[in-house]
Amino acid sequence: MLRIYGIKNCDTVKKARRFLEQQQVETQFHDYRVDGLDHALLQRFINQLGYPALLNTRGTTWRKLDEATRNSVQDEQSAADLMMAHPALIKRPLLMADNGAMLLGFDVQSYMIFIQENH
């Protein structure tokens, strides 16, 4: 089973979930706002994908942060602390297979490959 992490009202997450449903791929959805986020899971994401890829600096949540907070992100720890405080800063969706493989963002071609290799 694949797990998809994100926020349910995110348009990209909606597209990804709809695509997976159309492909008849069984998934489990984890909403950061409803189901929460623990540090161990975030660290697992960071270890595999790197914090620069995970930190969404193009979204509304990032733009709403004051400049001092945005500038405080200097390394993995400061990025992780900020993402724990504001899970909407995590780029989404994040698709994870049972074998630990991860795919960040949504792209039909990438999802097709990921499904074939990990499902």
N, C-alpha and C. Protein backbone atom coordinates (compact mmCIF):
# COMPACT_ATOMS: atom_id res chain seq x y z
N MET A 1 0.84 -1.18 0.00
CA MET A 1 0.00 0.00 0.00
C MET A 1 0.88 1.25 0.00
N LEU A 2 0.45 2.24 -0.73
CA LEU A 2 1.16 3.51 -0.77
C LEU A 2 0.52 4.47 0.22
N ARG A 3 1.34 5.30 0.83
CA ARG A 3 0.85 6.36 1.71
C ARG A 3 1.09 7.70 1.04
N ILE A 4 0.12 8.56 1.11
CA ILE A 4 0.25 9.89 0.56
C ILE A 4 0.11 10.89 1.69
N TYR A 5 1.10 11.76 1.83
CA TYR A 5 1.14 12.75 2.90
C TYR A 5 0.86 14.12 2.32
N GLY A 6 0.09 14.91 3.06
CA GLY A 6 -0.19 16.26 2.61
C GLY A 6 -1.29 16.88 3.42
N ILE A 7 -2.00 17.80 2.78
CA ILE A 7 -3.11 18.51 3.39
C ILE A 7 -4.30 18.37 2.44
N LYS A 8 -5.43 17.93 2.96
CA LYS A 8 -6.54 17.53 2.10
C LYS A 8 -7.08 18.63 1.21
N ASN A 9 -6.97 19.89 1.61
CA ASN A 9 -7.52 20.95 0.77
C ASN A 9 -6.51 21.51 -0.23
N CYS A 10 -5.33 20.94 -0.31
CA CYS A 10 -4.31 21.34 -1.29
C CYS A 10 -4.71 20.81 -2.67
N ASP A 11 -4.75 21.69 -3.66
CA ASP A 11 -5.17 21.29 -5.00
C ASP A 11 -4.28 20.21 -5.59
N THR A 12 -2.99 20.29 -5.36
CA THR A 12 -2.07 19.29 -5.91
C THR A 12 -2.29 17.93 -5.25
N VAL A 13 -2.54 17.94 -3.97
CA VAL A 13 -2.85 16.70 -3.25
C VAL A 13 -4.15 16.10 -3.80
N LYS A 14 -5.14 16.93 -4.04
CA LYS A 14 -6.40 16.45 -4.60
C LYS A 14 -6.17 15.80 -5.96
N LYS A 15 -5.36 16.42 -6.81
CA LYS A 15 -5.06 15.86 -8.13
C LYS A 15 -4.37 14.51 -8.00
N ALA A 16 -3.39 14.44 -7.11
CA ALA A 16 -2.64 13.19 -6.91
C ALA A 16 -3.56 12.09 -6.40
N ARG A 17 -4.38 12.40 -5.43
CA ARG A 17 -5.29 11.39 -4.88
C ARG A 17 -6.30 10.92 -5.92
N ARG A 18 -6.81 11.85 -6.71
CA ARG A 18 -7.75 11.49 -7.78
C ARG A 18 -7.08 10.59 -8.81
N PHE A 19 -5.84 10.93 -9.17
CA PHE A 19 -5.09 10.13 -10.14
C PHE A 19 -4.88 8.72 -9.61
N LEU A 20 -4.45 8.59 -8.37
CA LEU A 20 -4.21 7.27 -7.77
C LEU A 20 -5.50 6.45 -7.71
N GLU A 21 -6.60 7.12 -7.40
CA GLU A 21 -7.89 6.44 -7.38
C GLU A 21 -8.27 5.94 -8.77
N GLN A 22 -8.05 6.77 -9.79
CA GLN A 22 -8.35 6.38 -11.17
C GLN A 22 -7.50 5.19 -11.62
N GLN A 23 -6.29 5.11 -11.09
CA GLN A 23 -5.39 4.01 -11.42
C GLN A 23 -5.67 2.78 -10.55
N GLN A 24 -6.64 2.90 -9.67
CA GLN A 24 -7.04 1.84 -8.75
C GLN A 24 -5.88 1.40 -7.86
N VAL A 25 -5.13 2.39 -7.40
CA VAL A 25 -4.01 2.15 -6.48
C VAL A 25 -4.52 2.43 -5.07
N GLU A 26 -4.42 1.42 -4.23
CA GLU A 26 -4.86 1.57 -2.85
C GLU A 26 -3.86 2.45 -2.10
N THR A 27 -4.40 3.48 -1.44
CA THR A 27 -3.55 4.39 -0.69
C THR A 27 -4.13 4.65 0.69
N GLN A 28 -3.27 5.13 1.53
CA GLN A 28 -3.67 5.60 2.84
C GLN A 28 -3.26 7.07 2.88
N PHE A 29 -4.19 7.96 3.20
CA PHE A 29 -3.89 9.39 3.23
C PHE A 29 -3.58 9.85 4.64
N HIS A 30 -2.50 10.62 4.77
CA HIS A 30 -2.10 11.18 6.05
C HIS A 30 -2.14 12.70 5.91
N ASP A 31 -3.09 13.31 6.60
CA ASP A 31 -3.23 14.77 6.57
C ASP A 31 -2.44 15.34 7.75
N TYR A 32 -1.44 16.16 7.44
CA TYR A 32 -0.61 16.73 8.51
C TYR A 32 -1.44 17.49 9.54
N ARG A 33 -2.48 18.16 9.08
CA ARG A 33 -3.28 18.98 10.00
C ARG A 33 -4.19 18.12 10.87
N VAL A 34 -4.70 17.02 10.34
CA VAL A 34 -5.62 16.16 11.09
C VAL A 34 -4.87 15.08 11.85
N ASP A 35 -3.95 14.41 11.17
CA ASP A 35 -3.24 13.27 11.75
C ASP A 35 -1.95 13.66 12.45
N GLY A 36 -1.51 14.89 12.25
CA GLY A 36 -0.30 15.37 12.92
C GLY A 36 0.97 14.96 12.19
N LEU A 37 2.06 15.34 12.77
CA LEU A 37 3.38 15.06 12.22
C LEU A 37 4.34 14.90 13.39
N ASP A 38 5.04 13.78 13.43
CA ASP A 38 6.02 13.64 14.50
C ASP A 38 7.42 13.87 13.94
N HIS A 39 8.31 14.21 14.83
CA HIS A 39 9.67 14.57 14.41
C HIS A 39 10.38 13.41 13.71
N ALA A 40 10.13 12.18 14.18
CA ALA A 40 10.81 11.02 13.58
C ALA A 40 10.42 10.86 12.11
N LEU A 41 9.14 11.06 11.80
CA LEU A 41 8.69 10.95 10.41
C LEU A 41 9.28 12.07 9.56
N LEU A 42 9.25 13.29 10.08
CA LEU A 42 9.84 14.41 9.35
C LEU A 42 11.32 14.16 9.11
N GLN A 43 12.02 13.65 10.10
CA GLN A 43 13.45 13.37 9.95
C GLN A 43 13.69 12.31 8.89
N ARG A 44 12.80 11.34 8.82
CA ARG A 44 12.91 10.30 7.78
C ARG A 44 12.78 10.93 6.39
N PHE A 45 11.82 11.85 6.25
CA PHE A 45 11.66 12.57 4.98
C PHE A 45 12.92 13.35 4.64
N ILE A 46 13.44 14.07 5.63
CA ILE A 46 14.64 14.90 5.43
C ILE A 46 15.83 14.04 5.06
N ASN A 47 16.00 12.92 5.76
CA ASN A 47 17.15 12.04 5.49
C ASN A 47 17.14 11.54 4.05
N GLN A 48 15.96 11.26 3.53
CA GLN A 48 15.88 10.70 2.18
C GLN A 48 15.82 11.78 1.09
N LEU A 49 15.11 12.86 1.35
CA LEU A 49 14.86 13.84 0.30
C LEU A 49 15.66 15.14 0.45
N GLY A 50 16.15 15.38 1.66
CA GLY A 50 16.86 16.63 1.93
C GLY A 50 15.89 17.74 2.30
N TYR A 51 16.29 18.56 3.25
CA TYR A 51 15.37 19.62 3.69
C TYR A 51 15.13 20.69 2.62
N PRO A 52 16.10 21.00 1.74
CA PRO A 52 15.80 22.03 0.73
C PRO A 52 14.65 21.61 -0.21
N ALA A 53 14.57 20.32 -0.53
CA ALA A 53 13.49 19.84 -1.40
C ALA A 53 12.15 19.85 -0.66
N LEU A 54 12.17 19.56 0.63
CA LEU A 54 10.93 19.47 1.42
C LEU A 54 10.34 20.83 1.77
N LEU A 55 11.18 21.81 1.97
CA LEU A 55 10.71 23.12 2.44
C LEU A 55 10.11 23.89 1.28
N ASN A 56 8.80 24.10 1.34
CA ASN A 56 8.08 24.79 0.28
C ASN A 56 8.19 26.30 0.49
N THR A 57 9.09 26.91 -0.24
CA THR A 57 9.30 28.36 -0.11
C THR A 57 8.51 29.14 -1.15
N ARG A 58 7.63 28.45 -1.87
CA ARG A 58 6.83 29.12 -2.90
C ARG A 58 5.37 29.27 -2.53
N GLY A 59 4.99 28.71 -1.39
CA GLY A 59 3.58 28.71 -1.01
C GLY A 59 3.18 29.89 -0.14
N THR A 60 1.89 29.95 0.11
CA THR A 60 1.31 31.03 0.90
C THR A 60 1.84 31.03 2.33
N THR A 61 1.98 29.86 2.92
CA THR A 61 2.44 29.79 4.31
C THR A 61 3.81 30.43 4.45
N TRP A 62 4.72 30.14 3.53
CA TRP A 62 6.06 30.73 3.55
C TRP A 62 5.98 32.25 3.40
N ARG A 63 5.19 32.71 2.47
CA ARG A 63 5.08 34.16 2.21
C ARG A 63 4.48 34.91 3.40
N LYS A 64 3.65 34.22 4.19
CA LYS A 64 3.03 34.86 5.35
C LYS A 64 3.98 34.96 6.55
N LEU A 65 5.06 34.20 6.52
CA LEU A 65 6.03 34.28 7.61
C LEU A 65 6.78 35.60 7.54
N ASP A 66 7.15 36.12 8.70
CA ASP A 66 7.93 37.36 8.68
C ASP A 66 9.34 37.08 8.17
N GLU A 67 9.99 38.10 7.71
CA GLU A 67 11.31 37.95 7.09
C GLU A 67 12.34 37.34 8.03
N ALA A 68 12.28 37.71 9.30
CA ALA A 68 13.24 37.16 10.27
C ALA A 68 13.07 35.65 10.40
N THR A 69 11.83 35.18 10.40
CA THR A 69 11.57 33.73 10.50
C THR A 69 12.08 33.03 9.25
N ARG A 70 11.78 33.60 8.09
CA ARG A 70 12.27 32.99 6.84
C ARG A 70 13.80 32.95 6.82
N ASN A 71 14.42 34.01 7.26
CA ASN A 71 15.88 34.08 7.26
C ASN A 71 16.52 33.19 8.32
N SER A 72 15.73 32.72 9.29
CA SER A 72 16.27 31.88 10.36
C SER A 72 16.58 30.45 9.87
N VAL A 73 16.08 30.10 8.70
CA VAL A 73 16.34 28.77 8.16
C VAL A 73 17.74 28.75 7.58
N GLN A 74 18.66 28.18 8.34
CA GLN A 74 20.07 28.15 7.95
C GLN A 74 20.61 26.75 7.73
N ASP A 75 19.89 25.75 8.27
CA ASP A 75 20.40 24.39 8.22
C ASP A 75 19.24 23.41 8.41
N GLU A 76 19.58 22.14 8.43
CA GLU A 76 18.57 21.10 8.56
C GLU A 76 17.73 21.26 9.82
N GLN A 77 18.38 21.53 10.94
CA GLN A 77 17.65 21.62 12.21
C GLN A 77 16.67 22.79 12.22
N SER A 78 17.10 23.95 11.76
CA SER A 78 16.21 25.11 11.75
C SER A 78 15.06 24.91 10.76
N ALA A 79 15.32 24.25 9.65
CA ALA A 79 14.27 23.94 8.68
C ALA A 79 13.27 22.95 9.29
N ALA A 80 13.78 21.92 9.95
CA ALA A 80 12.91 20.91 10.59
C ALA A 80 12.04 21.55 11.66
N ASP A 81 12.62 22.42 12.48
CA ASP A 81 11.86 23.09 13.52
C ASP A 81 10.71 23.91 12.93
N LEU A 82 10.99 24.60 11.84
CA LEU A 82 9.97 25.42 11.19
C LEU A 82 8.88 24.55 10.56
N MET A 83 9.28 23.45 9.92
CA MET A 83 8.29 22.55 9.32
C MET A 83 7.44 21.87 10.39
N MET A 84 8.01 21.58 11.55
CA MET A 84 7.23 21.00 12.64
C MET A 84 6.20 22.01 13.15
N ALA A 85 6.61 23.26 13.21
CA ALA A 85 5.70 24.32 13.69
C ALA A 85 4.63 24.65 12.65
N HIS A 86 4.98 24.51 11.37
CA HIS A 86 4.08 24.85 10.27
C HIS A 86 4.12 23.74 9.22
N PRO A 87 3.40 22.63 9.44
CA PRO A 87 3.45 21.51 8.49
C PRO A 87 3.05 21.87 7.06
N ALA A 88 2.31 22.95 6.88
CA ALA A 88 1.93 23.38 5.53
C ALA A 88 3.16 23.82 4.73
N LEU A 89 4.29 24.00 5.39
CA LEU A 89 5.53 24.35 4.70
C LEU A 89 6.19 23.15 4.02
N ILE A 90 5.69 21.96 4.29
CA ILE A 90 6.26 20.76 3.66
C ILE A 90 5.67 20.63 2.27
N LYS A 91 6.55 20.55 1.28
CA LYS A 91 6.08 20.39 -0.09
C LYS A 91 5.22 19.14 -0.16
N ARG A 92 4.18 19.23 -0.97
CA ARG A 92 3.24 18.13 -1.05
C ARG A 92 2.74 17.95 -2.47
N PRO A 93 2.20 16.78 -2.71
CA PRO A 93 2.11 15.61 -1.85
C PRO A 93 3.45 14.87 -1.77
N LEU A 94 3.56 14.06 -0.74
CA LEU A 94 4.71 13.17 -0.59
C LEU A 94 4.13 11.76 -0.63
N LEU A 95 4.58 10.99 -1.59
CA LEU A 95 4.10 9.62 -1.78
C LEU A 95 5.18 8.68 -1.25
N MET A 96 4.77 7.73 -0.40
CA MET A 96 5.75 6.80 0.17
C MET A 96 5.23 5.37 0.03
N ALA A 97 6.12 4.50 -0.44
CA ALA A 97 5.81 3.07 -0.58
C ALA A 97 6.22 2.33 0.68
N ASP A 98 5.70 1.13 0.83
CA ASP A 98 6.05 0.29 1.99
C ASP A 98 7.54 0.02 2.09
N ASN A 99 8.24 0.03 0.95
CA ASN A 99 9.68 -0.22 0.97
C ASN A 99 10.49 1.01 1.35
N GLY A 100 9.80 2.13 1.62
CA GLY A 100 10.47 3.35 2.04
C GLY A 100 10.76 4.32 0.91
N ALA A 101 10.55 3.91 -0.33
CA ALA A 101 10.78 4.81 -1.46
C ALA A 101 9.82 5.99 -1.36
N MET A 102 10.30 7.18 -1.75
CA MET A 102 9.50 8.40 -1.66
C MET A 102 9.54 9.17 -2.95
N LEU A 103 8.44 9.86 -3.20
CA LEU A 103 8.33 10.74 -4.36
C LEU A 103 7.65 12.00 -3.89
N LEU A 104 8.28 13.13 -4.18
CA LEU A 104 7.78 14.43 -3.73
C LEU A 104 7.17 15.19 -4.89
N GLY A 105 6.00 15.78 -4.65
CA GLY A 105 5.31 16.52 -5.69
C GLY A 105 4.43 15.60 -6.51
N PHE A 106 3.74 16.17 -7.51
CA PHE A 106 2.88 15.35 -8.34
C PHE A 106 3.14 15.61 -9.81
N ASP A 107 3.39 14.52 -10.51
CA ASP A 107 3.58 14.53 -11.95
C ASP A 107 3.11 13.17 -12.44
N VAL A 108 2.21 13.15 -13.42
CA VAL A 108 1.60 11.89 -13.88
C VAL A 108 2.67 10.87 -14.27
N GLN A 109 3.62 11.29 -15.08
CA GLN A 109 4.66 10.37 -15.56
C GLN A 109 5.46 9.79 -14.38
N SER A 110 5.86 10.65 -13.46
CA SER A 110 6.63 10.18 -12.30
C SER A 110 5.82 9.24 -11.44
N TYR A 111 4.53 9.53 -11.27
CA TYR A 111 3.67 8.66 -10.49
C TYR A 111 3.53 7.29 -11.15
N MET A 112 3.38 7.27 -12.46
CA MET A 112 3.25 5.99 -13.18
C MET A 112 4.49 5.13 -12.95
N ILE A 113 5.65 5.73 -13.06
CA ILE A 113 6.91 5.01 -12.86
C ILE A 113 7.00 4.53 -11.41
N PHE A 114 6.70 5.42 -10.47
CA PHE A 114 6.77 5.09 -9.05
C PHE A 114 5.85 3.93 -8.71
N ILE A 115 4.63 3.96 -9.25
CA ILE A 115 3.66 2.88 -9.01
C ILE A 115 4.19 1.56 -9.55
N GLN A 116 4.72 1.59 -10.76
CA GLN A 116 5.25 0.37 -11.37
C GLN A 116 6.41 -0.22 -10.57
N GLU A 117 7.25 0.65 -10.05
CA GLU A 117 8.45 0.18 -9.33
C GLU A 117 8.19 -0.17 -7.88
N ASN A 118 7.13 0.37 -7.29
CA ASN A 118 6.97 0.24 -5.84
C ASN A 118 5.61 -0.28 -5.38
N HIS A 119 4.81 -0.77 -6.29
CA HIS A 119 3.47 -1.21 -5.87
C HIS A 119 3.25 -2.66 -6.24
